[in-house]
Amino acid sequence: MDTNHHIYTELAYQLRKREAPRTEEEITLIALKEWMARNFSYSAMRGYQWKELFLPHGAMLRLIHRGMTYYAE
């Protein structure tokens, strides 16, 4: 069996199983973009990751705590 076909079939199965809102093509593009970002250092994917929160490089963050507003870049 062709490896590419097997991977694509498994992806389609997992997306249907989880009732994912994205298509196989969308997931493939996301995976390729992330791979290129890691391997070719594309600045669009640089940033700070903390658990499920991702702040892209250059993002500004505003926090309000006890009535005080704080900004971070």
N, C-alpha and C. Protein backbone atom coordinates (compact mmCIF):
# COMPACT_ATOMS: atom_id res chain seq x y z
N MET A 1 0.85 -1.20 0.00
CA MET A 1 0.00 0.00 0.00
C MET A 1 0.89 1.25 0.00
N ASP A 2 0.48 2.24 -0.75
CA ASP A 2 1.21 3.50 -0.81
C ASP A 2 1.13 4.20 0.55
N THR A 3 2.28 4.61 1.08
CA THR A 3 2.34 5.26 2.39
C THR A 3 1.54 6.55 2.42
N ASN A 4 1.64 7.36 1.37
CA ASN A 4 0.89 8.62 1.33
C ASN A 4 -0.60 8.38 1.40
N HIS A 5 -1.07 7.39 0.66
CA HIS A 5 -2.51 7.07 0.68
C HIS A 5 -2.93 6.60 2.07
N HIS A 6 -2.10 5.80 2.71
CA HIS A 6 -2.40 5.29 4.06
C HIS A 6 -2.51 6.45 5.06
N ILE A 7 -1.60 7.38 5.00
CA ILE A 7 -1.62 8.53 5.92
C ILE A 7 -2.85 9.38 5.67
N TYR A 8 -3.15 9.65 4.40
CA TYR A 8 -4.31 10.47 4.06
C TYR A 8 -5.61 9.78 4.49
N THR A 9 -5.69 8.46 4.31
CA THR A 9 -6.88 7.70 4.73
C THR A 9 -7.03 7.75 6.24
N GLU A 10 -5.93 7.62 6.97
CA GLU A 10 -5.97 7.69 8.44
C GLU A 10 -6.41 9.07 8.90
N LEU A 11 -5.91 10.12 8.25
CA LEU A 11 -6.31 11.48 8.58
C LEU A 11 -7.81 11.66 8.37
N ALA A 12 -8.32 11.21 7.23
CA ALA A 12 -9.75 11.32 6.94
C ALA A 12 -10.57 10.57 7.98
N TYR A 13 -10.11 9.38 8.37
CA TYR A 13 -10.82 8.58 9.39
C TYR A 13 -10.85 9.32 10.73
N GLN A 14 -9.71 9.85 11.16
CA GLN A 14 -9.65 10.53 12.46
C GLN A 14 -10.51 11.79 12.46
N LEU A 15 -10.54 12.53 11.34
CA LEU A 15 -11.37 13.74 11.28
C LEU A 15 -12.85 13.40 11.35
N ARG A 16 -13.26 12.33 10.66
CA ARG A 16 -14.67 11.91 10.73
C ARG A 16 -15.02 11.41 12.12
N LYS A 17 -14.12 10.65 12.71
CA LYS A 17 -14.34 10.07 14.05
C LYS A 17 -14.56 11.17 15.09
N ARG A 18 -13.83 12.27 14.96
CA ARG A 18 -13.93 13.37 15.92
C ARG A 18 -14.89 14.47 15.47
N GLU A 19 -15.53 14.26 14.33
CA GLU A 19 -16.44 15.26 13.76
C GLU A 19 -15.76 16.62 13.67
N ALA A 20 -14.54 16.61 13.17
CA ALA A 20 -13.73 17.83 13.04
C ALA A 20 -14.36 18.77 12.01
N PRO A 21 -14.34 20.06 12.30
CA PRO A 21 -14.95 21.01 11.37
C PRO A 21 -14.08 21.33 10.15
N ARG A 22 -12.84 20.87 10.12
CA ARG A 22 -11.92 21.18 9.02
C ARG A 22 -11.81 19.99 8.07
N THR A 23 -11.47 20.31 6.82
CA THR A 23 -11.29 19.27 5.81
C THR A 23 -9.87 18.72 5.86
N GLU A 24 -9.68 17.61 5.14
CA GLU A 24 -8.34 17.02 5.06
C GLU A 24 -7.36 18.02 4.44
N GLU A 25 -7.81 18.76 3.45
CA GLU A 25 -6.95 19.74 2.78
C GLU A 25 -6.53 20.85 3.75
N GLU A 26 -7.48 21.34 4.56
CA GLU A 26 -7.15 22.39 5.53
C GLU A 26 -6.13 21.90 6.55
N ILE A 27 -6.33 20.70 7.06
CA ILE A 27 -5.40 20.13 8.05
C ILE A 27 -4.02 19.93 7.42
N THR A 28 -3.99 19.47 6.17
CA THR A 28 -2.72 19.28 5.47
C THR A 28 -1.98 20.60 5.33
N LEU A 29 -2.69 21.68 4.96
CA LEU A 29 -2.05 22.98 4.83
C LEU A 29 -1.52 23.49 6.17
N ILE A 30 -2.30 23.30 7.23
CA ILE A 30 -1.85 23.71 8.57
C ILE A 30 -0.58 22.96 8.95
N ALA A 31 -0.58 21.66 8.72
CA ALA A 31 0.60 20.84 9.06
C ALA A 31 1.82 21.28 8.26
N LEU A 32 1.63 21.56 6.97
CA LEU A 32 2.75 22.00 6.15
C LEU A 32 3.28 23.36 6.61
N LYS A 33 2.39 24.27 6.93
CA LYS A 33 2.82 25.60 7.40
C LYS A 33 3.61 25.48 8.70
N GLU A 34 3.13 24.65 9.63
CA GLU A 34 3.84 24.47 10.90
C GLU A 34 5.20 23.82 10.68
N TRP A 35 5.26 22.83 9.78
CA TRP A 35 6.53 22.18 9.48
C TRP A 35 7.51 23.17 8.87
N MET A 36 7.04 23.98 7.92
CA MET A 36 7.92 24.98 7.31
C MET A 36 8.37 26.02 8.32
N ALA A 37 7.50 26.40 9.23
CA ALA A 37 7.86 27.39 10.25
C ALA A 37 8.97 26.85 11.14
N ARG A 38 8.87 25.57 11.52
CA ARG A 38 9.90 24.97 12.37
C ARG A 38 11.21 24.77 11.62
N ASN A 39 11.13 24.39 10.35
CA ASN A 39 12.33 24.04 9.60
C ASN A 39 12.96 25.18 8.82
N PHE A 40 12.19 26.20 8.50
CA PHE A 40 12.71 27.30 7.71
C PHE A 40 12.60 28.64 8.43
N SER A 41 12.20 28.61 9.69
CA SER A 41 12.11 29.80 10.54
C SER A 41 11.28 30.93 9.94
N TYR A 42 10.10 30.61 9.46
CA TYR A 42 9.20 31.66 8.97
C TYR A 42 8.72 32.48 10.16
N SER A 43 8.88 33.79 10.09
CA SER A 43 8.55 34.66 11.21
C SER A 43 7.06 34.68 11.52
N ALA A 44 6.20 34.31 10.57
CA ALA A 44 4.76 34.34 10.81
C ALA A 44 4.36 33.35 11.90
N MET A 45 5.16 32.31 12.10
CA MET A 45 4.81 31.30 13.09
C MET A 45 5.64 31.42 14.36
N ARG A 46 6.47 32.44 14.47
CA ARG A 46 7.25 32.62 15.69
C ARG A 46 6.38 33.27 16.74
N GLY A 47 6.69 33.00 17.97
CA GLY A 47 5.93 33.60 19.04
C GLY A 47 6.17 32.88 20.35
N TYR A 48 5.22 33.00 21.25
CA TYR A 48 5.32 32.41 22.58
C TYR A 48 4.16 31.45 22.78
N GLN A 49 4.45 30.22 23.16
CA GLN A 49 3.43 29.20 23.41
C GLN A 49 3.42 28.88 24.89
N TRP A 50 2.24 28.96 25.49
CA TRP A 50 2.06 28.54 26.89
C TRP A 50 0.77 27.75 26.94
N LYS A 51 0.90 26.46 27.22
CA LYS A 51 -0.21 25.52 27.18
C LYS A 51 -0.94 25.65 25.84
N GLU A 52 -2.21 26.05 25.85
CA GLU A 52 -2.96 26.17 24.60
C GLU A 52 -2.98 27.59 24.05
N LEU A 53 -2.28 28.50 24.70
CA LEU A 53 -2.23 29.89 24.26
C LEU A 53 -1.00 30.12 23.39
N PHE A 54 -1.20 30.68 22.20
CA PHE A 54 -0.09 31.04 21.33
C PHE A 54 -0.19 32.52 21.02
N LEU A 55 0.87 33.26 21.35
CA LEU A 55 0.96 34.68 21.03
C LEU A 55 1.99 34.84 19.92
N PRO A 56 1.57 35.25 18.72
CA PRO A 56 2.53 35.43 17.63
C PRO A 56 3.53 36.52 17.95
N HIS A 57 4.70 36.43 17.34
CA HIS A 57 5.75 37.42 17.54
C HIS A 57 5.20 38.82 17.24
N GLY A 58 5.42 39.76 18.15
CA GLY A 58 4.95 41.12 17.97
C GLY A 58 3.56 41.39 18.54
N ALA A 59 2.92 40.36 19.10
CA ALA A 59 1.58 40.56 19.66
C ALA A 59 1.66 41.45 20.90
N MET A 60 0.60 42.21 21.13
CA MET A 60 0.52 43.03 22.33
C MET A 60 -0.53 42.41 23.24
N LEU A 61 -0.25 42.39 24.52
CA LEU A 61 -1.12 41.77 25.49
C LEU A 61 -1.54 42.81 26.52
N ARG A 62 -2.85 42.86 26.83
CA ARG A 62 -3.35 43.78 27.85
C ARG A 62 -4.00 42.95 28.94
N LEU A 63 -3.60 43.18 30.17
CA LEU A 63 -4.16 42.50 31.32
C LEU A 63 -4.74 43.52 32.29
N ILE A 64 -5.86 43.17 32.86
CA ILE A 64 -6.45 44.01 33.90
C ILE A 64 -6.54 43.17 35.16
N HIS A 65 -5.90 43.67 36.22
CA HIS A 65 -5.88 42.95 37.49
C HIS A 65 -6.12 43.96 38.61
N ARG A 66 -7.18 43.72 39.36
CA ARG A 66 -7.56 44.59 40.48
C ARG A 66 -7.65 46.06 40.07
N GLY A 67 -8.24 46.28 38.90
CA GLY A 67 -8.46 47.64 38.44
C GLY A 67 -7.27 48.30 37.78
N MET A 68 -6.15 47.66 37.78
CA MET A 68 -4.94 48.20 37.14
C MET A 68 -4.78 47.52 35.77
N THR A 69 -4.40 48.32 34.77
CA THR A 69 -4.20 47.79 33.43
C THR A 69 -2.71 47.68 33.16
N TYR A 70 -2.31 46.52 32.66
CA TYR A 70 -0.91 46.25 32.34
C TYR A 70 -0.81 45.88 30.87
N TYR A 71 0.28 46.29 30.22
CA TYR A 71 0.51 45.99 28.82
C TYR A 71 1.84 45.26 28.69
N ALA A 72 1.87 44.34 27.74
CA ALA A 72 3.12 43.62 27.46
C ALA A 72 3.24 43.47 25.95
N GLU A 73 4.46 43.44 25.49
CA GLU A 73 4.68 43.28 24.06
C GLU A 73 5.59 42.13 23.81
